[in-house]
């Protein structure tokens, strides 16, 4: 069963910017913002079972506000 949590947030001009995490029982998860539903990370196990982010992403959630490359779209 999936678990949805709000893992980070901040305000810009009275609008809350939120990072949501959807995870499963194996530890894999996806993180999505409410800024155009941008995908920030998809954490999946590699061939050795080590969880790895497979999405090209910014290290700072605030960078998605000025993103000119459409990362996570």
PDB file of N, CA and C in Angstrom:
ATOM      1  N   UNK A   1       0.842  -1.183   0.000  1.00  0.00           N
ATOM      2  CA  UNK A   1       0.000   0.000   0.000  1.00  0.00           C
ATOM      3  C   UNK A   1       0.884   1.243   0.000  1.00  0.00           C
ATOM      4  N   UNK A   2       0.485   2.258  -0.715  1.00  0.00           N
ATOM      5  CA  UNK A   2       1.252   3.496  -0.819  1.00  0.00           C
ATOM      6  C   UNK A   2       0.987   4.404   0.381  1.00  0.00           C
ATOM      7  N   UNK A   3       2.012   5.154   0.743  1.00  0.00           N
ATOM      8  CA  UNK A   3       1.921   6.121   1.823  1.00  0.00           C
ATOM      9  C   UNK A   3       2.269   7.495   1.243  1.00  0.00           C
ATOM     10  N   UNK A   4       1.431   8.491   1.459  1.00  0.00           N
ATOM     11  CA  UNK A   4       1.661   9.840   0.939  1.00  0.00           C
ATOM     12  C   UNK A   4       1.935  10.771   2.107  1.00  0.00           C
ATOM     13  N   UNK A   5       3.068  11.493   2.038  1.00  0.00           N
ATOM     14  CA  UNK A   5       3.423  12.450   3.084  1.00  0.00           C
ATOM     15  C   UNK A   5       3.853  13.770   2.470  1.00  0.00           C
ATOM     16  N   UNK A   6       3.737  14.806   3.247  1.00  0.00           N
ATOM     17  CA  UNK A   6       4.220  16.140   2.870  1.00  0.00           C
ATOM     18  C   UNK A   6       5.606  16.259   3.498  1.00  0.00           C
ATOM     19  N   UNK A   7       6.668  16.244   2.671  1.00  0.00           N
ATOM     20  CA  UNK A   7       8.004  16.165   3.238  1.00  0.00           C
ATOM     21  C   UNK A   7       8.728  17.509   3.351  1.00  0.00           C
ATOM     22  N   UNK A   8       8.266  18.530   2.647  1.00  0.00           N
ATOM     23  CA  UNK A   8       8.907  19.844   2.724  1.00  0.00           C
ATOM     24  C   UNK A   8       7.933  20.874   2.174  1.00  0.00           C
ATOM     25  N   UNK A   9       8.048  22.118   2.653  1.00  0.00           N
ATOM     26  CA  UNK A   9       7.230  23.195   2.092  1.00  0.00           C
ATOM     27  C   UNK A   9       7.805  24.549   2.464  1.00  0.00           C
ATOM     28  N   UNK A  10       7.434  25.562   1.682  1.00  0.00           N
ATOM     29  CA  UNK A  10       7.772  26.947   1.968  1.00  0.00           C
ATOM     30  C   UNK A  10       6.745  27.817   1.245  1.00  0.00           C
ATOM     31  N   UNK A  11       6.736  29.108   1.546  1.00  0.00           N
ATOM     32  CA  UNK A  11       5.762  30.021   0.946  1.00  0.00           C
ATOM     33  C   UNK A  11       6.438  31.006   0.010  1.00  0.00           C
ATOM     34  N   UNK A  12       5.773  31.270  -1.119  1.00  0.00           N
ATOM     35  CA  UNK A  12       6.200  32.283  -2.079  1.00  0.00           C
ATOM     36  C   UNK A  12       4.974  33.125  -2.387  1.00  0.00           C
ATOM     37  N   UNK A  13       5.028  34.398  -2.029  1.00  0.00           N
ATOM     38  CA  UNK A  13       3.892  35.308  -2.264  1.00  0.00           C
ATOM     39  C   UNK A  13       2.583  34.711  -1.752  1.00  0.00           C
ATOM     40  N   UNK A  14       2.598  34.247  -0.524  1.00  0.00           N
ATOM     41  CA  UNK A  14       1.430  33.671   0.159  1.00  0.00           C
ATOM     42  C   UNK A  14       0.929  32.361  -0.454  1.00  0.00           C
ATOM     43  N   UNK A  15       1.680  31.783  -1.388  1.00  0.00           N
ATOM     44  CA  UNK A  15       1.330  30.492  -1.990  1.00  0.00           C
ATOM     45  C   UNK A  15       2.283  29.439  -1.437  1.00  0.00           C
ATOM     46  N   UNK A  16       1.730  28.361  -0.894  1.00  0.00           N
ATOM     47  CA  UNK A  16       2.567  27.302  -0.351  1.00  0.00           C
ATOM     48  C   UNK A  16       3.089  26.405  -1.478  1.00  0.00           C
ATOM     49  N   UNK A  17       4.393  26.202  -1.482  1.00  0.00           N
ATOM     50  CA  UNK A  17       5.044  25.270  -2.401  1.00  0.00           C
ATOM     51  C   UNK A  17       5.342  24.014  -1.587  1.00  0.00           C
ATOM     52  N   UNK A  18       4.854  22.877  -2.058  1.00  0.00           N
ATOM     53  CA  UNK A  18       4.905  21.638  -1.266  1.00  0.00           C
ATOM     54  C   UNK A  18       5.626  20.541  -2.036  1.00  0.00           C
ATOM     55  N   UNK A  19       6.380  19.739  -1.294  1.00  0.00           N
ATOM     56  CA  UNK A  19       6.993  18.534  -1.837  1.00  0.00           C
ATOM     57  C   UNK A  19       6.286  17.333  -1.210  1.00  0.00           C
ATOM     58  N   UNK A  20       5.636  16.544  -2.051  1.00  0.00           N
ATOM     59  CA  UNK A  20       4.930  15.354  -1.593  1.00  0.00           C
ATOM     60  C   UNK A  20       5.776  14.123  -1.873  1.00  0.00           C
ATOM     61  N   UNK A  21       5.744  13.166  -0.947  1.00  0.00           N
ATOM     62  CA  UNK A  21       6.442  11.890  -1.130  1.00  0.00           C
ATOM     63  C   UNK A  21       5.423  10.762  -1.108  1.00  0.00           C
ATOM     64  N   UNK A  22       5.457   9.945  -2.164  1.00  0.00           N
ATOM     65  CA  UNK A  22       4.617   8.756  -2.248  1.00  0.00           C
ATOM     66  C   UNK A  22       5.561   7.558  -2.169  1.00  0.00           C
ATOM     67  N   UNK A  23       5.409   6.758  -1.127  1.00  0.00           N
ATOM     68  CA  UNK A  23       6.333   5.648  -0.911  1.00  0.00           C
ATOM     69  C   UNK A  23       5.583   4.325  -0.803  1.00  0.00           C
ATOM     70  N   UNK A  24       6.331   3.252  -1.003  1.00  0.00           N
ATOM     71  CA  UNK A  24       5.729   1.924  -0.844  1.00  0.00           C
ATOM     72  C   UNK A  24       6.484   1.151   0.229  1.00  0.00           C
ATOM     73  N   UNK A  25       6.044  -0.050   0.496  1.00  0.00           N
ATOM     74  CA  UNK A  25       6.610  -0.838   1.590  1.00  0.00           C
ATOM     75  C   UNK A  25       8.032  -1.313   1.336  1.00  0.00           C
ATOM     76  N   UNK A  26       8.496  -1.287   0.096  1.00  0.00           N
ATOM     77  CA  UNK A  26       9.863  -1.718  -0.209  1.00  0.00           C
ATOM     78  C   UNK A  26      10.883  -0.604   0.001  1.00  0.00           C
ATOM     79  N   UNK A  27      10.413   0.616   0.284  1.00  0.00           N
ATOM     80  CA  UNK A  27      11.309   1.753   0.489  1.00  0.00           C
ATOM     81  C   UNK A  27      11.457   2.648  -0.729  1.00  0.00           C
ATOM     82  N   UNK A  28      10.977   2.197  -1.889  1.00  0.00           N
ATOM     83  CA  UNK A  28      11.014   3.025  -3.093  1.00  0.00           C
ATOM     84  C   UNK A  28      10.023   4.168  -2.937  1.00  0.00           C
ATOM     85  N   UNK A  29      10.341   5.323  -3.540  1.00  0.00           N
ATOM     86  CA  UNK A  29       9.412   6.444  -3.458  1.00  0.00           C
ATOM     87  C   UNK A  29       9.609   7.414  -4.614  1.00  0.00           C
ATOM     88  N   UNK A  30       8.616   8.269  -4.797  1.00  0.00           N
ATOM     89  CA  UNK A  30       8.651   9.348  -5.771  1.00  0.00           C
ATOM     90  C   UNK A  30       8.320  10.637  -5.029  1.00  0.00           C
ATOM     91  N   UNK A  31       8.997  11.733  -5.392  1.00  0.00           N
ATOM     92  CA  UNK A  31       8.697  13.045  -4.802  1.00  0.00           C
ATOM     93  C   UNK A  31       8.232  13.973  -5.911  1.00  0.00           C
ATOM     94  N   UNK A  32       7.108  14.652  -5.647  1.00  0.00           N
ATOM     95  CA  UNK A  32       6.458  15.515  -6.627  1.00  0.00           C
ATOM     96  C   UNK A  32       6.115  16.841  -5.970  1.00  0.00           C
ATOM     97  N   UNK A  33       6.305  17.946  -6.692  1.00  0.00           N
ATOM     98  CA  UNK A  33       5.919  19.258  -6.170  1.00  0.00           C
ATOM     99  C   UNK A  33       4.532  19.626  -6.669  1.00  0.00           C
ATOM    100  N   UNK A  34       3.971  20.639  -6.041  1.00  0.00           N
ATOM    101  CA  UNK A  34       2.715  21.187  -6.544  1.00  0.00           C
ATOM    102  C   UNK A  34       2.987  22.315  -7.538  1.00  0.00           C
ATOM    103  N   UNK A  35       4.217  22.449  -7.988  1.00  0.00           N
ATOM    104  CA  UNK A  35       4.580  23.400  -9.045  1.00  0.00           C
ATOM    105  C   UNK A  35       4.479  22.631 -10.361  1.00  0.00           C
ATOM    106  N   UNK A  36       3.326  22.588 -10.938  1.00  0.00           N
ATOM    107  CA  UNK A  36       3.130  21.872 -12.194  1.00  0.00           C
ATOM    108  C   UNK A  36       3.359  20.377 -12.090  1.00  0.00           C
ATOM    109  N   UNK A  37       3.224  19.818 -10.905  1.00  0.00           N
ATOM    110  CA  UNK A  37       3.442  18.385 -10.656  1.00  0.00           C
ATOM    111  C   UNK A  37       4.831  17.939 -11.108  1.00  0.00           C
ATOM    112  N   UNK A  38       5.830  18.781 -10.889  1.00  0.00           N
ATOM    113  CA  UNK A  38       7.206  18.445 -11.265  1.00  0.00           C
ATOM    114  C   UNK A  38       7.700  17.251 -10.461  1.00  0.00           C
ATOM    115  N   UNK A  39       8.312  16.299 -11.140  1.00  0.00           N
ATOM    116  CA  UNK A  39       8.892  15.135 -10.483  1.00  0.00           C
ATOM    117  C   UNK A  39      10.294  15.512 -10.013  1.00  0.00           C
ATOM    118  N   UNK A  40      10.498  15.483  -8.710  1.00  0.00           N
ATOM    119  CA  UNK A  40      11.779  15.847  -8.120  1.00  0.00           C
ATOM    120  C   UNK A  40      12.682  14.625  -8.000  1.00  0.00           C
ATOM    121  N   UNK A  41      12.113  13.495  -7.655  1.00  0.00           N
ATOM    122  CA  UNK A  41      12.923  12.280  -7.560  1.00  0.00           C
ATOM    123  C   UNK A  41      12.069  11.036  -7.704  1.00  0.00           C
ATOM    124  N   UNK A  42      12.700  10.014  -8.255  1.00  0.00           N
ATOM    125  CA  UNK A  42      12.141   8.671  -8.265  1.00  0.00           C
ATOM    126  C   UNK A  42      13.254   7.791  -7.705  1.00  0.00           C
ATOM    127  N   UNK A  43      13.047   7.277  -6.519  1.00  0.00           N
ATOM    128  CA  UNK A  43      14.050   6.473  -5.835  1.00  0.00           C
ATOM    129  C   UNK A  43      13.668   5.008  -6.002  1.00  0.00           C
ATOM    130  N   UNK A  44      14.524   4.278  -6.705  1.00  0.00           N
ATOM    131  CA  UNK A  44      14.282   2.871  -7.016  1.00  0.00           C
ATOM    132  C   UNK A  44      15.521   2.060  -6.657  1.00  0.00           C
ATOM    133  N   UNK A  45      15.342   0.790  -6.338  1.00  0.00           N
ATOM    134  CA  UNK A  45      16.519  -0.039  -6.072  1.00  0.00           C
ATOM    135  C   UNK A  45      17.269  -0.354  -7.375  1.00  0.00           C
ATOM    136  N   UNK A  46      18.618  -0.297  -7.308  1.00  0.00           N
ATOM    137  CA  UNK A  46      19.411  -0.693  -8.464  1.00  0.00           C
ATOM    138  C   UNK A  46      19.565  -2.210  -8.475  1.00  0.00           C
ATOM    139  N   UNK A  47      20.408  -2.747  -9.338  1.00  0.00           N
ATOM    140  CA  UNK A  47      20.529  -4.206  -9.458  1.00  0.00           C
ATOM    141  C   UNK A  47      21.063  -4.870  -8.194  1.00  0.00           C
ATOM    142  N   UNK A  48      21.688  -4.062  -7.301  1.00  0.00           N
ATOM    143  CA  UNK A  48      22.189  -4.584  -6.031  1.00  0.00           C
ATOM    144  C   UNK A  48      21.246  -4.301  -4.866  1.00  0.00           C
ATOM    145  N   UNK A  49      20.084  -3.722  -5.175  1.00  0.00           N
ATOM    146  CA  UNK A  49      19.101  -3.421  -4.145  1.00  0.00           C
ATOM    147  C   UNK A  49      19.322  -2.111  -3.418  1.00  0.00           C
ATOM    148  N   UNK A  50      20.301  -1.295  -3.865  1.00  0.00           N
ATOM    149  CA  UNK A  50      20.581   0.002  -3.241  1.00  0.00           C
ATOM    150  C   UNK A  50      19.662   1.048  -3.856  1.00  0.00           C
ATOM    151  N   UNK A  51      18.958   1.801  -3.006  1.00  0.00           N
ATOM    152  CA  UNK A  51      18.033   2.825  -3.489  1.00  0.00           C
ATOM    153  C   UNK A  51      18.802   3.967  -4.139  1.00  0.00           C
ATOM    154  N   UNK A  52      18.393   4.333  -5.371  1.00  0.00           N
ATOM    155  CA  UNK A  52      19.086   5.337  -6.168  1.00  0.00           C
ATOM    156  C   UNK A  52      18.066   6.242  -6.852  1.00  0.00           C
ATOM    157  N   UNK A  53      18.375   7.556  -6.911  1.00  0.00           N
ATOM    158  CA  UNK A  53      17.514   8.497  -7.614  1.00  0.00           C
ATOM    159  C   UNK A  53      17.793   8.386  -9.110  1.00  0.00           C
ATOM    160  N   UNK A  54      16.760   8.167  -9.908  1.00  0.00           N
ATOM    161  CA  UNK A  54      16.939   7.999 -11.347  1.00  0.00           C
ATOM    162  C   UNK A  54      16.449   9.209 -12.151  1.00  0.00           C
ATOM    163  N   UNK A  55      16.224  10.343 -11.468  1.00  0.00           N
ATOM    164  CA  UNK A  55      15.715  11.549 -12.128  1.00  0.00           C
ATOM    165  C   UNK A  55      16.775  12.652 -12.102  1.00  0.00           C
ATOM    166  N   UNK A  56      16.972  13.307 -13.243  1.00  0.00           N
ATOM    167  CA  UNK A  56      17.811  14.498 -13.290  1.00  0.00           C
ATOM    168  C   UNK A  56      17.058  15.588 -12.538  1.00  0.00           C
ATOM    169  N   UNK A  57      17.684  16.185 -11.521  1.00  0.00           N
ATOM    170  CA  UNK A  57      16.947  17.067 -10.618  1.00  0.00           C
ATOM    171  C   UNK A  57      17.835  18.164 -10.047  1.00  0.00           C
ATOM    172  N   UNK A  58      17.182  19.157  -9.452  1.00  0.00           N
ATOM    173  CA  UNK A  58      17.871  20.190  -8.683  1.00  0.00           C
ATOM    174  C   UNK A  58      18.026  19.706  -7.248  1.00  0.00           C
ATOM    175  N   UNK A  59      19.056  20.181  -6.568  1.00  0.00           N
ATOM    176  CA  UNK A  59      19.259  19.814  -5.165  1.00  0.00           C
ATOM    177  C   UNK A  59      18.400  20.645  -4.224  1.00  0.00           C
ATOM    178  N   UNK A  60      17.869  21.760  -4.699  1.00  0.00           N
ATOM    179  CA  UNK A  60      17.083  22.679  -3.877  1.00  0.00           C
ATOM    180  C   UNK A  60      15.687  22.833  -4.469  1.00  0.00           C
ATOM    181  N   UNK A  61      14.684  22.636  -3.649  1.00  0.00           N
ATOM    182  CA  UNK A  61      13.299  22.741  -4.111  1.00  0.00           C
ATOM    183  C   UNK A  61      13.001  24.123  -4.689  1.00  0.00           C
ATOM    184  N   UNK A  62      13.603  25.172  -4.149  1.00  0.00           N
ATOM    185  CA  UNK A  62      13.353  26.538  -4.632  1.00  0.00           C
ATOM    186  C   UNK A  62      13.847  26.752  -6.060  1.00  0.00           C
ATOM    187  N   UNK A  63      14.777  25.938  -6.521  1.00  0.00           N
ATOM    188  CA  UNK A  63      15.296  26.070  -7.887  1.00  0.00           C
ATOM    189  C   UNK A  63      14.222  25.780  -8.936  1.00  0.00           C
ATOM    190  N   UNK A  64      13.212  25.020  -8.580  1.00  0.00           N
ATOM    191  CA  UNK A  64      12.140  24.709  -9.525  1.00  0.00           C
ATOM    192  C   UNK A  64      11.290  25.941  -9.852  1.00  0.00           C
ATOM    193  N   UNK A  65      11.357  26.971  -9.019  1.00  0.00           N
ATOM    194  CA  UNK A  65      10.603  28.196  -9.284  1.00  0.00           C
ATOM    195  C   UNK A  65      11.181  28.979 -10.455  1.00  0.00           C
ATOM    196  N   UNK A  66      12.484  28.870 -10.669  1.00  0.00           N
ATOM    197  CA  UNK A  66      13.149  29.605 -11.744  1.00  0.00           C
ATOM    198  C   UNK A  66      13.700  28.670 -12.811  1.00  0.00           C
ATOM    199  N   UNK A  67      13.198  27.460 -12.855  1.00  0.00           N
ATOM    200  CA  UNK A  67      13.692  26.422 -13.774  1.00  0.00           C
ATOM    201  C   UNK A  67      13.457  26.813 -15.221  1.00  0.00           C
ATOM    202  N   UNK A  68      14.527  26.935 -15.994  1.00  0.00           N
ATOM    203  CA  UNK A  68      14.386  27.237 -17.420  1.00  0.00           C
ATOM    204  C   UNK A  68      14.632  25.985 -18.272  1.00  0.00           C
ATOM    205  N   UNK A  69      14.915  24.848 -17.637  1.00  0.00           N
ATOM    206  CA  UNK A  69      15.198  23.614 -18.361  1.00  0.00           C
ATOM    207  C   UNK A  69      14.069  22.590 -18.270  1.00  0.00           C
ATOM    208  N   UNK A  70      13.025  22.891 -17.533  1.00  0.00           N
ATOM    209  CA  UNK A  70      11.866  22.013 -17.351  1.00  0.00           C
ATOM    210  C   UNK A  70      12.239  20.668 -16.753  1.00  0.00           C
ATOM    211  N   UNK A  71      13.160  20.674 -15.787  1.00  0.00           N
ATOM    212  CA  UNK A  71      13.519  19.431 -15.108  1.00  0.00           C
ATOM    213  C   UNK A  71      12.305  18.949 -14.329  1.00  0.00           C
ATOM    214  N   UNK A  72      12.070  17.666 -14.398  1.00  0.00           N
ATOM    215  CA  UNK A  72      10.959  17.069 -13.678  1.00  0.00           C
ATOM    216  C   UNK A  72       9.622  17.177 -14.364  1.00  0.00           C
ATOM    217  N   UNK A  73       9.598  17.749 -15.554  1.00  0.00           N
ATOM    218  CA  UNK A  73       8.317  17.916 -16.266  1.00  0.00           C
ATOM    219  C   UNK A  73       7.968  16.691 -17.056  1.00  0.00           C
TER     220      UNK A  73
END
